[in-house]
């Protein structure tokens, strides 16, 4: 199984149903030393704002999210969903779990 930390739309049950065909069961956790910023991605009907994590190295900064366990196939499905504007990186959560998380591709 793969660990994935979600802090945005991947936490939404409707999104999970569409991507994975099921609702995921997760555990609340925190990513320390990061903040969330907004990027705008051009879509069919114009620019749409999306959250993105940014490393600050400041232990006072954190992002609340959910830790999910996924199959390798589901992780690849999440990659497809996130698209070209996001890349998957490994980070350590407050719980000391090593997880994948999506960050800006640029």
PDB file of N, CA and C in Angstrom:
ATOM      1  N   UNK A   1       0.838  -1.185   0.000  1.00  0.00           N
ATOM      2  CA  UNK A   1       0.000   0.000   0.000  1.00  0.00           C
ATOM      3  C   UNK A   1       0.886   1.253   0.000  1.00  0.00           C
ATOM      4  N   UNK A   2       0.352   2.309  -0.562  1.00  0.00           N
ATOM      5  CA  UNK A   2       1.046   3.593  -0.643  1.00  0.00           C
ATOM      6  C   UNK A   2       0.348   4.599   0.265  1.00  0.00           C
ATOM      7  N   UNK A   3       1.119   5.472   0.910  1.00  0.00           N
ATOM      8  CA  UNK A   3       0.559   6.527   1.754  1.00  0.00           C
ATOM      9  C   UNK A   3       0.431   7.804   0.939  1.00  0.00           C
ATOM     10  N   UNK A   4      -0.752   8.418   0.986  1.00  0.00           N
ATOM     11  CA  UNK A   4      -0.996   9.676   0.295  1.00  0.00           C
ATOM     12  C   UNK A   4      -1.609  10.665   1.275  1.00  0.00           C
ATOM     13  N   UNK A   5      -1.037  11.872   1.335  1.00  0.00           N
ATOM     14  CA  UNK A   5      -1.571  12.940   2.173  1.00  0.00           C
ATOM     15  C   UNK A   5      -2.362  13.878   1.267  1.00  0.00           C
ATOM     16  N   UNK A   6      -3.637  14.042   1.574  1.00  0.00           N
ATOM     17  CA  UNK A   6      -4.514  14.917   0.792  1.00  0.00           C
ATOM     18  C   UNK A   6      -4.853  16.157   1.601  1.00  0.00           C
ATOM     19  N   UNK A   7      -4.789  17.309   0.947  1.00  0.00           N
ATOM     20  CA  UNK A   7      -5.074  18.579   1.611  1.00  0.00           C
ATOM     21  C   UNK A   7      -6.073  19.425   0.827  1.00  0.00           C
ATOM     22  N   UNK A   8      -6.520  18.919  -0.311  1.00  0.00           N
ATOM     23  CA  UNK A   8      -7.430  19.673  -1.171  1.00  0.00           C
ATOM     24  C   UNK A   8      -8.585  18.808  -1.647  1.00  0.00           C
ATOM     25  N   UNK A   9      -8.821  18.835  -2.945  1.00  0.00           N
ATOM     26  CA  UNK A   9      -9.991  18.165  -3.507  1.00  0.00           C
ATOM     27  C   UNK A   9      -9.964  16.643  -3.354  1.00  0.00           C
ATOM     28  N   UNK A  10      -8.791  16.041  -3.178  1.00  0.00           N
ATOM     29  CA  UNK A  10      -8.738  14.584  -2.995  1.00  0.00           C
ATOM     30  C   UNK A  10      -9.371  14.132  -1.677  1.00  0.00           C
ATOM     31  N   UNK A  11      -9.687  15.083  -0.792  1.00  0.00           N
ATOM     32  CA  UNK A  11     -10.388  14.743   0.453  1.00  0.00           C
ATOM     33  C   UNK A  11     -11.901  14.636   0.233  1.00  0.00           C
ATOM     34  N   UNK A  12     -12.390  15.130  -0.895  1.00  0.00           N
ATOM     35  CA  UNK A  12     -13.822  15.163  -1.161  1.00  0.00           C
ATOM     36  C   UNK A  12     -14.323  13.788  -1.615  1.00  0.00           C
ATOM     37  N   UNK A  13     -15.392  13.313  -0.975  1.00  0.00           N
ATOM     38  CA  UNK A  13     -15.925  11.982  -1.281  1.00  0.00           C
ATOM     39  C   UNK A  13     -16.344  11.848  -2.740  1.00  0.00           C
ATOM     40  N   UNK A  14     -16.946  12.881  -3.302  1.00  0.00           N
ATOM     41  CA  UNK A  14     -17.391  12.821  -4.699  1.00  0.00           C
ATOM     42  C   UNK A  14     -16.197  12.659  -5.639  1.00  0.00           C
ATOM     43  N   UNK A  15     -15.111  13.363  -5.353  1.00  0.00           N
ATOM     44  CA  UNK A  15     -13.888  13.244  -6.158  1.00  0.00           C
ATOM     45  C   UNK A  15     -13.313  11.834  -6.025  1.00  0.00           C
ATOM     46  N   UNK A  16     -13.276  11.318  -4.800  1.00  0.00           N
ATOM     47  CA  UNK A  16     -12.759   9.965  -4.573  1.00  0.00           C
ATOM     48  C   UNK A  16     -13.582   8.924  -5.328  1.00  0.00           C
ATOM     49  N   UNK A  17     -14.891   9.049  -5.287  1.00  0.00           N
ATOM     50  CA  UNK A  17     -15.770   8.110  -6.019  1.00  0.00           C
ATOM     51  C   UNK A  17     -15.455   8.146  -7.512  1.00  0.00           C
ATOM     52  N   UNK A  18     -15.256   9.352  -8.056  1.00  0.00           N
ATOM     53  CA  UNK A  18     -14.984   9.490  -9.481  1.00  0.00           C
ATOM     54  C   UNK A  18     -13.629   8.931  -9.874  1.00  0.00           C
ATOM     55  N   UNK A  19     -12.618   9.116  -9.023  1.00  0.00           N
ATOM     56  CA  UNK A  19     -11.257   8.676  -9.358  1.00  0.00           C
ATOM     57  C   UNK A  19     -11.041   7.203  -9.047  1.00  0.00           C
ATOM     58  N   UNK A  20     -11.426   6.789  -7.838  1.00  0.00           N
ATOM     59  CA  UNK A  20     -11.085   5.453  -7.344  1.00  0.00           C
ATOM     60  C   UNK A  20     -12.255   4.471  -7.357  1.00  0.00           C
ATOM     61  N   UNK A  21     -13.469   4.981  -7.553  1.00  0.00           N
ATOM     62  CA  UNK A  21     -14.650   4.118  -7.519  1.00  0.00           C
ATOM     63  C   UNK A  21     -15.052   3.741  -6.108  1.00  0.00           C
ATOM     64  N   UNK A  22     -14.517   4.461  -5.127  1.00  0.00           N
ATOM     65  CA  UNK A  22     -14.847   4.200  -3.731  1.00  0.00           C
ATOM     66  C   UNK A  22     -14.514   5.435  -2.902  1.00  0.00           C
ATOM     67  N   UNK A  23     -15.085   5.490  -1.707  1.00  0.00           N
ATOM     68  CA  UNK A  23     -14.742   6.539  -0.754  1.00  0.00           C
ATOM     69  C   UNK A  23     -13.618   6.003   0.126  1.00  0.00           C
ATOM     70  N   UNK A  24     -12.553   6.788   0.251  1.00  0.00           N
ATOM     71  CA  UNK A  24     -11.396   6.372   1.029  1.00  0.00           C
ATOM     72  C   UNK A  24     -11.619   6.583   2.523  1.00  0.00           C
ATOM     73  N   UNK A  25     -10.995   5.745   3.323  1.00  0.00           N
ATOM     74  CA  UNK A  25     -10.994   5.917   4.780  1.00  0.00           C
ATOM     75  C   UNK A  25      -9.611   6.421   5.151  1.00  0.00           C
ATOM     76  N   UNK A  26      -9.569   7.547   5.850  1.00  0.00           N
ATOM     77  CA  UNK A  26      -8.285   8.142   6.169  1.00  0.00           C
ATOM     78  C   UNK A  26      -8.156   8.556   7.617  1.00  0.00           C
ATOM     79  N   UNK A  27      -6.969   9.049   7.952  1.00  0.00           N
ATOM     80  CA  UNK A  27      -6.648   9.499   9.296  1.00  0.00           C
ATOM     81  C   UNK A  27      -6.187  10.951   9.226  1.00  0.00           C
ATOM     82  N   UNK A  28      -6.756  11.836  10.047  1.00  0.00           N
ATOM     83  CA  UNK A  28      -6.283  13.225  10.056  1.00  0.00           C
ATOM     84  C   UNK A  28      -4.802  13.282  10.437  1.00  0.00           C
ATOM     85  N   UNK A  29      -4.068  14.190   9.792  1.00  0.00           N
ATOM     86  CA  UNK A  29      -2.650  14.360  10.081  1.00  0.00           C
ATOM     87  C   UNK A  29      -2.265  15.768   9.676  1.00  0.00           C
ATOM     88  N   UNK A  30      -1.001  16.125   9.904  1.00  0.00           N
ATOM     89  CA  UNK A  30      -0.501  17.466   9.587  1.00  0.00           C
ATOM     90  C   UNK A  30       0.837  17.385   8.894  1.00  0.00           C
ATOM     91  N   UNK A  31       1.035  18.301   7.969  1.00  0.00           N
ATOM     92  CA  UNK A  31       2.311  18.482   7.297  1.00  0.00           C
ATOM     93  C   UNK A  31       2.941  19.743   7.886  1.00  0.00           C
ATOM     94  N   UNK A  32       4.057  19.576   8.569  1.00  0.00           N
ATOM     95  CA  UNK A  32       4.721  20.673   9.268  1.00  0.00           C
ATOM     96  C   UNK A  32       5.788  21.306   8.364  1.00  0.00           C
ATOM     97  N   UNK A  33       5.918  22.642   8.451  1.00  0.00           N
ATOM     98  CA  UNK A  33       6.937  23.341   7.670  1.00  0.00           C
ATOM     99  C   UNK A  33       6.492  23.681   6.264  1.00  0.00           C
ATOM    100  N   UNK A  34       5.183  23.684   6.042  1.00  0.00           N
ATOM    101  CA  UNK A  34       4.606  24.010   4.737  1.00  0.00           C
ATOM    102  C   UNK A  34       3.404  24.918   4.932  1.00  0.00           C
ATOM    103  N   UNK A  35       3.103  25.708   3.891  1.00  0.00           N
ATOM    104  CA  UNK A  35       1.868  26.479   3.849  1.00  0.00           C
ATOM    105  C   UNK A  35       1.165  26.173   2.533  1.00  0.00           C
ATOM    106  N   UNK A  36      -0.110  26.546   2.473  1.00  0.00           N
ATOM    107  CA  UNK A  36      -0.883  26.391   1.246  1.00  0.00           C
ATOM    108  C   UNK A  36      -0.963  27.736   0.540  1.00  0.00           C
ATOM    109  N   UNK A  37      -0.742  27.709  -0.741  1.00  0.00           N
ATOM    110  CA  UNK A  37      -0.944  28.876  -1.592  1.00  0.00           C
ATOM    111  C   UNK A  37      -1.945  28.490  -2.666  1.00  0.00           C
ATOM    112  N   UNK A  38      -2.383  29.461  -3.405  1.00  0.00           N
ATOM    113  CA  UNK A  38      -3.338  29.213  -4.487  1.00  0.00           C
ATOM    114  C   UNK A  38      -2.647  29.467  -5.822  1.00  0.00           C
ATOM    115  N   UNK A  39      -2.817  28.511  -6.736  1.00  0.00           N
ATOM    116  CA  UNK A  39      -2.379  28.722  -8.110  1.00  0.00           C
ATOM    117  C   UNK A  39      -3.619  28.718  -8.987  1.00  0.00           C
ATOM    118  N   UNK A  40      -3.534  29.391 -10.122  1.00  0.00           N
ATOM    119  CA  UNK A  40      -4.645  29.392 -11.061  1.00  0.00           C
ATOM    120  C   UNK A  40      -4.263  28.539 -12.259  1.00  0.00           C
ATOM    121  N   UNK A  41      -5.150  27.605 -12.583  1.00  0.00           N
ATOM    122  CA  UNK A  41      -4.918  26.694 -13.702  1.00  0.00           C
ATOM    123  C   UNK A  41      -5.989  26.970 -14.748  1.00  0.00           C
ATOM    124  N   UNK A  42      -5.542  27.129 -15.991  1.00  0.00           N
ATOM    125  CA  UNK A  42      -6.489  27.387 -17.065  1.00  0.00           C
ATOM    126  C   UNK A  42      -7.238  26.103 -17.402  1.00  0.00           C
ATOM    127  N   UNK A  43      -8.548  26.217 -17.355  1.00  0.00           N
ATOM    128  CA  UNK A  43      -9.419  25.100 -17.694  1.00  0.00           C
ATOM    129  C   UNK A  43     -10.350  25.536 -18.814  1.00  0.00           C
ATOM    130  N   UNK A  44     -11.250  24.678 -19.163  1.00  0.00           N
ATOM    131  CA  UNK A  44     -12.138  24.910 -20.300  1.00  0.00           C
ATOM    132  C   UNK A  44     -12.864  26.254 -20.234  1.00  0.00           C
ATOM    133  N   UNK A  45     -13.297  26.673 -19.038  1.00  0.00           N
ATOM    134  CA  UNK A  45     -14.092  27.889 -18.916  1.00  0.00           C
ATOM    135  C   UNK A  45     -13.335  29.032 -18.244  1.00  0.00           C
ATOM    136  N   UNK A  46     -12.000  28.984 -18.246  1.00  0.00           N
ATOM    137  CA  UNK A  46     -11.201  30.062 -17.672  1.00  0.00           C
ATOM    138  C   UNK A  46     -10.276  29.576 -16.575  1.00  0.00           C
ATOM    139  N   UNK A  47      -9.732  30.522 -15.835  1.00  0.00           N
ATOM    140  CA  UNK A  47      -8.796  30.203 -14.756  1.00  0.00           C
ATOM    141  C   UNK A  47      -9.550  29.735 -13.517  1.00  0.00           C
ATOM    142  N   UNK A  48      -9.053  28.648 -12.920  1.00  0.00           N
ATOM    143  CA  UNK A  48      -9.659  28.084 -11.720  1.00  0.00           C
ATOM    144  C   UNK A  48      -8.596  28.021 -10.625  1.00  0.00           C
ATOM    145  N   UNK A  49      -8.922  28.509  -9.405  1.00  0.00           N
ATOM    146  CA  UNK A  49      -7.934  28.465  -8.317  1.00  0.00           C
ATOM    147  C   UNK A  49      -7.841  27.072  -7.683  1.00  0.00           C
ATOM    148  N   UNK A  50      -6.599  26.636  -7.401  1.00  0.00           N
ATOM    149  CA  UNK A  50      -6.345  25.361  -6.737  1.00  0.00           C
ATOM    150  C   UNK A  50      -5.289  25.565  -5.652  1.00  0.00           C
ATOM    151  N   UNK A  51      -5.396  24.818  -4.532  1.00  0.00           N
ATOM    152  CA  UNK A  51      -4.374  24.936  -3.495  1.00  0.00           C
ATOM    153  C   UNK A  51      -3.104  24.181  -3.888  1.00  0.00           C
ATOM    154  N   UNK A  52      -1.986  24.691  -3.403  1.00  0.00           N
ATOM    155  CA  UNK A  52      -0.697  24.048  -3.637  1.00  0.00           C
ATOM    156  C   UNK A  52       0.156  24.234  -2.383  1.00  0.00           C
ATOM    157  N   UNK A  53       0.931  23.225  -2.031  1.00  0.00           N
ATOM    158  CA  UNK A  53       1.784  23.343  -0.843  1.00  0.00           C
ATOM    159  C   UNK A  53       3.108  24.004  -1.221  1.00  0.00           C
ATOM    160  N   UNK A  54       3.646  24.750  -0.265  1.00  0.00           N
ATOM    161  CA  UNK A  54       4.934  25.412  -0.439  1.00  0.00           C
ATOM    162  C   UNK A  54       5.742  25.205   0.828  1.00  0.00           C
ATOM    163  N   UNK A  55       6.956  24.708   0.676  1.00  0.00           N
ATOM    164  CA  UNK A  55       7.827  24.494   1.834  1.00  0.00           C
ATOM    165  C   UNK A  55       8.295  25.839   2.384  1.00  0.00           C
ATOM    166  N   UNK A  56       8.242  25.962   3.717  1.00  0.00           N
ATOM    167  CA  UNK A  56       8.722  27.178   4.377  1.00  0.00           C
ATOM    168  C   UNK A  56       9.872  26.873   5.332  1.00  0.00           C
ATOM    169  N   UNK A  57      10.012  25.638   5.738  1.00  0.00           N
ATOM    170  CA  UNK A  57      10.986  25.191   6.745  1.00  0.00           C
ATOM    171  C   UNK A  57      10.709  25.801   8.115  1.00  0.00           C
ATOM    172  N   UNK A  58       9.578  26.476   8.263  1.00  0.00           N
ATOM    173  CA  UNK A  58       9.197  27.075   9.540  1.00  0.00           C
ATOM    174  C   UNK A  58       8.301  26.092  10.286  1.00  0.00           C
ATOM    175  N   UNK A  59       8.728  25.587  11.446  1.00  0.00           N
ATOM    176  CA  UNK A  59       7.922  24.606  12.174  1.00  0.00           C
ATOM    177  C   UNK A  59       6.576  25.159  12.677  1.00  0.00           C
ATOM    178  N   UNK A  60       6.412  26.467  12.616  1.00  0.00           N
ATOM    179  CA  UNK A  60       5.130  27.079  13.010  1.00  0.00           C
ATOM    180  C   UNK A  60       4.080  26.935  11.902  1.00  0.00           C
ATOM    181  N   UNK A  61       4.531  26.699  10.670  1.00  0.00           N
ATOM    182  CA  UNK A  61       3.619  26.540   9.542  1.00  0.00           C
ATOM    183  C   UNK A  61       3.177  25.084   9.434  1.00  0.00           C
ATOM    184  N   UNK A  62       1.910  24.877   9.137  1.00  0.00           N
ATOM    185  CA  UNK A  62       1.429  23.499   8.958  1.00  0.00           C
ATOM    186  C   UNK A  62       0.189  23.485   8.082  1.00  0.00           C
ATOM    187  N   UNK A  63      -0.067  22.320   7.528  1.00  0.00           N
ATOM    188  CA  UNK A  63      -1.246  22.095   6.693  1.00  0.00           C
ATOM    189  C   UNK A  63      -1.982  20.889   7.250  1.00  0.00           C
ATOM    190  N   UNK A  64      -3.249  21.067   7.549  1.00  0.00           N
ATOM    191  CA  UNK A  64      -4.079  19.948   7.991  1.00  0.00           C
ATOM    192  C   UNK A  64      -4.588  19.204   6.763  1.00  0.00           C
ATOM    193  N   UNK A  65      -4.614  17.890   6.891  1.00  0.00           N
ATOM    194  CA  UNK A  65      -5.102  17.069   5.801  1.00  0.00           C
ATOM    195  C   UNK A  65      -5.430  15.688   6.296  1.00  0.00           C
ATOM    196  N   UNK A  66      -5.491  14.749   5.363  1.00  0.00           N
ATOM    197  CA  UNK A  66      -5.858  13.376   5.688  1.00  0.00           C
ATOM    198  C   UNK A  66      -4.864  12.424   5.030  1.00  0.00           C
ATOM    199  N   UNK A  67      -4.430  11.445   5.808  1.00  0.00           N
ATOM    200  CA  UNK A  67      -3.534  10.387   5.330  1.00  0.00           C
ATOM    201  C   UNK A  67      -4.390   9.208   4.868  1.00  0.00           C
ATOM    202  N   UNK A  68      -4.215   8.828   3.602  1.00  0.00           N
ATOM    203  CA  UNK A  68      -4.939   7.693   3.028  1.00  0.00           C
ATOM    204  C   UNK A  68      -3.957   6.608   2.622  1.00  0.00           C
ATOM    205  N   UNK A  69      -4.411   5.364   2.647  1.00  0.00           N
ATOM    206  CA  UNK A  69      -3.644   4.236   2.136  1.00  0.00           C
ATOM    207  C   UNK A  69      -4.278   3.833   0.796  1.00  0.00           C
ATOM    208  N   UNK A  70      -3.457   3.827  -0.250  1.00  0.00           N
ATOM    209  CA  UNK A  70      -3.926   3.527  -1.597  1.00  0.00           C
ATOM    210  C   UNK A  70      -3.125   2.379  -2.191  1.00  0.00           C
ATOM    211  N   UNK A  71      -3.710   1.730  -3.168  1.00  0.00           N
ATOM    212  CA  UNK A  71      -2.958   0.756  -3.952  1.00  0.00           C
ATOM    213  C   UNK A  71      -2.074   1.518  -4.937  1.00  0.00           C
ATOM    214  N   UNK A  72      -1.099   0.848  -5.513  1.00  0.00           N
ATOM    215  CA  UNK A  72      -0.244   1.469  -6.524  1.00  0.00           C
ATOM    216  C   UNK A  72      -1.098   1.964  -7.698  1.00  0.00           C
ATOM    217  N   UNK A  73      -2.076   1.183  -8.082  1.00  0.00           N
ATOM    218  CA  UNK A  73      -2.967   1.575  -9.183  1.00  0.00           C
ATOM    219  C   UNK A  73      -3.747   2.842  -8.828  1.00  0.00           C
ATOM    220  N   UNK A  74      -4.246   2.917  -7.611  1.00  0.00           N
ATOM    221  CA  UNK A  74      -4.992   4.108  -7.184  1.00  0.00           C
ATOM    222  C   UNK A  74      -4.081   5.338  -7.138  1.00  0.00           C
ATOM    223  N   UNK A  75      -2.832   5.144  -6.736  1.00  0.00           N
ATOM    224  CA  UNK A  75      -1.885   6.245  -6.721  1.00  0.00           C
ATOM    225  C   UNK A  75      -1.653   6.766  -8.144  1.00  0.00           C
ATOM    226  N   UNK A  76      -1.573   5.872  -9.095  1.00  0.00           N
ATOM    227  CA  UNK A  76      -1.430   6.273 -10.499  1.00  0.00           C
ATOM    228  C   UNK A  76      -2.682   6.997 -10.986  1.00  0.00           C
ATOM    229  N   UNK A  77      -3.858   6.563 -10.523  1.00  0.00           N
ATOM    230  CA  UNK A  77      -5.093   7.252 -10.875  1.00  0.00           C
ATOM    231  C   UNK A  77      -5.088   8.674 -10.299  1.00  0.00           C
ATOM    232  N   UNK A  78      -4.565   8.830  -9.082  1.00  0.00           N
ATOM    233  CA  UNK A  78      -4.458  10.160  -8.473  1.00  0.00           C
ATOM    234  C   UNK A  78      -3.488  11.031  -9.281  1.00  0.00           C
ATOM    235  N   UNK A  79      -2.402  10.452  -9.774  1.00  0.00           N
ATOM    236  CA  UNK A  79      -1.461  11.194 -10.623  1.00  0.00           C
ATOM    237  C   UNK A  79      -2.180  11.737 -11.856  1.00  0.00           C
ATOM    238  N   UNK A  80      -2.974  10.900 -12.474  1.00  0.00           N
ATOM    239  CA  UNK A  80      -3.715  11.318 -13.665  1.00  0.00           C
ATOM    240  C   UNK A  80      -4.691  12.441 -13.323  1.00  0.00           C
ATOM    241  N   UNK A  81      -5.379  12.308 -12.206  1.00  0.00           N
ATOM    242  CA  UNK A  81      -6.327  13.331 -11.765  1.00  0.00           C
ATOM    243  C   UNK A  81      -5.612  14.670 -11.525  1.00  0.00           C
ATOM    244  N   UNK A  82      -4.471  14.647 -10.871  1.00  0.00           N
ATOM    245  CA  UNK A  82      -3.759  15.884 -10.542  1.00  0.00           C
ATOM    246  C   UNK A  82      -3.187  16.567 -11.787  1.00  0.00           C
ATOM    247  N   UNK A  83      -2.854  15.800 -12.810  1.00  0.00           N
ATOM    248  CA  UNK A  83      -2.448  16.383 -14.086  1.00  0.00           C
ATOM    249  C   UNK A  83      -1.044  16.964 -14.105  1.00  0.00           C
ATOM    250  N   UNK A  84      -0.789  17.763 -15.129  1.00  0.00           N
ATOM    251  CA  UNK A  84       0.566  18.265 -15.396  1.00  0.00           C
ATOM    252  C   UNK A  84       1.002  19.403 -14.478  1.00  0.00           C
ATOM    253  N   UNK A  85       0.084  20.019 -13.763  1.00  0.00           N
ATOM    254  CA  UNK A  85       0.433  21.160 -12.926  1.00  0.00           C
ATOM    255  C   UNK A  85       0.936  20.746 -11.540  1.00  0.00           C
ATOM    256  N   UNK A  86       0.791  19.467 -11.210  1.00  0.00           N
ATOM    257  CA  UNK A  86       1.215  18.948  -9.916  1.00  0.00           C
ATOM    258  C   UNK A  86       2.219  17.824 -10.112  1.00  0.00           C
ATOM    259  N   UNK A  87       3.134  17.693  -9.155  1.00  0.00           N
ATOM    260  CA  UNK A  87       4.047  16.541  -9.136  1.00  0.00           C
ATOM    261  C   UNK A  87       3.934  15.902  -7.766  1.00  0.00           C
ATOM    262  N   UNK A  88       4.208  14.626  -7.705  1.00  0.00           N
ATOM    263  CA  UNK A  88       4.136  13.884  -6.444  1.00  0.00           C
ATOM    264  C   UNK A  88       5.525  13.854  -5.807  1.00  0.00           C
ATOM    265  N   UNK A  89       5.586  14.270  -4.525  1.00  0.00           N
ATOM    266  CA  UNK A  89       6.841  14.255  -3.779  1.00  0.00           C
ATOM    267  C   UNK A  89       6.624  13.517  -2.456  1.00  0.00           C
ATOM    268  N   UNK A  90       7.714  13.065  -1.839  1.00  0.00           N
ATOM    269  CA  UNK A  90       7.600  12.419  -0.524  1.00  0.00           C
ATOM    270  C   UNK A  90       7.964  13.407   0.570  1.00  0.00           C
ATOM    271  N   UNK A  91       7.178  13.363   1.648  1.00  0.00           N
ATOM    272  CA  UNK A  91       7.388  14.218   2.811  1.00  0.00           C
ATOM    273  C   UNK A  91       7.109  13.400   4.068  1.00  0.00           C
ATOM    274  N   UNK A  92       7.482  13.957   5.212  1.00  0.00           N
ATOM    275  CA  UNK A  92       7.193  13.314   6.491  1.00  0.00           C
ATOM    276  C   UNK A  92       6.140  14.135   7.221  1.00  0.00           C
ATOM    277  N   UNK A  93       5.104  13.450   7.710  1.00  0.00           N
ATOM    278  CA  UNK A  93       4.026  14.115   8.433  1.00  0.00           C
ATOM    279  C   UNK A  93       4.355  14.230   9.915  1.00  0.00           C
ATOM    280  N   UNK A  94       3.521  14.957  10.627  1.00  0.00           N
ATOM    281  CA  UNK A  94       3.670  15.116  12.070  1.00  0.00           C
ATOM    282  C   UNK A  94       3.679  13.753  12.768  1.00  0.00           C
ATOM    283  N   UNK A  95       2.943  12.795  12.222  1.00  0.00           N
ATOM    284  CA  UNK A  95       2.858  11.445  12.793  1.00  0.00           C
ATOM    285  C   UNK A  95       4.106  10.602  12.498  1.00  0.00           C
ATOM    286  N   UNK A  96       5.072  11.180  11.782  1.00  0.00           N
ATOM    287  CA  UNK A  96       6.305  10.512  11.339  1.00  0.00           C
ATOM    288  C   UNK A  96       6.093   9.557  10.174  1.00  0.00           C
ATOM    289  N   UNK A  97       4.904   9.511   9.618  1.00  0.00           N
ATOM    290  CA  UNK A  97       4.652   8.699   8.414  1.00  0.00           C
ATOM    291  C   UNK A  97       5.304   9.379   7.208  1.00  0.00           C
ATOM    292  N   UNK A  98       5.927   8.593   6.353  1.00  0.00           N
ATOM    293  CA  UNK A  98       6.452   9.083   5.083  1.00  0.00           C
ATOM    294  C   UNK A  98       5.341   8.875   4.059  1.00  0.00           C
ATOM    295  N   UNK A  99       4.999   9.954   3.349  1.00  0.00           N
ATOM    296  CA  UNK A  99       3.838   9.918   2.457  1.00  0.00           C
ATOM    297  C   UNK A  99       4.155  10.610   1.142  1.00  0.00           C
ATOM    298  N   UNK A 100       3.309  10.335   0.174  1.00  0.00           N
ATOM    299  CA  UNK A 100       3.294  11.105  -1.070  1.00  0.00           C
ATOM    300  C   UNK A 100       2.347  12.265  -0.872  1.00  0.00           C
ATOM    301  N   UNK A 101       2.693  13.399  -1.507  1.00  0.00           N
ATOM    302  CA  UNK A 101       1.823  14.569  -1.506  1.00  0.00           C
ATOM    303  C   UNK A 101       2.040  15.288  -2.835  1.00  0.00           C
ATOM    304  N   UNK A 102       1.040  16.026  -3.282  1.00  0.00           N
ATOM    305  CA  UNK A 102       1.160  16.743  -4.549  1.00  0.00           C
ATOM    306  C   UNK A 102       1.576  18.177  -4.308  1.00  0.00           C
ATOM    307  N   UNK A 103       2.591  18.605  -5.076  1.00  0.00           N
ATOM    308  CA  UNK A 103       3.136  19.951  -5.005  1.00  0.00           C
ATOM    309  C   UNK A 103       3.162  20.528  -6.428  1.00  0.00           C
ATOM    310  N   UNK A 104       3.513  21.794  -6.537  1.00  0.00           N
ATOM    311  CA  UNK A 104       3.552  22.432  -7.864  1.00  0.00           C
ATOM    312  C   UNK A 104       4.595  21.766  -8.758  1.00  0.00           C
ATOM    313  N   UNK A 105       4.252  21.549  -9.996  1.00  0.00           N
ATOM    314  CA  UNK A 105       5.163  20.916 -10.952  1.00  0.00           C
ATOM    315  C   UNK A 105       6.231  21.888 -11.434  1.00  0.00           C
ATOM    316  N   UNK A 106       6.032  23.176 -11.233  1.00  0.00           N
ATOM    317  CA  UNK A 106       7.000  24.177 -11.720  1.00  0.00           C
ATOM    318  C   UNK A 106       7.924  24.649 -10.619  1.00  0.00           C
TER     319      UNK A 106
END
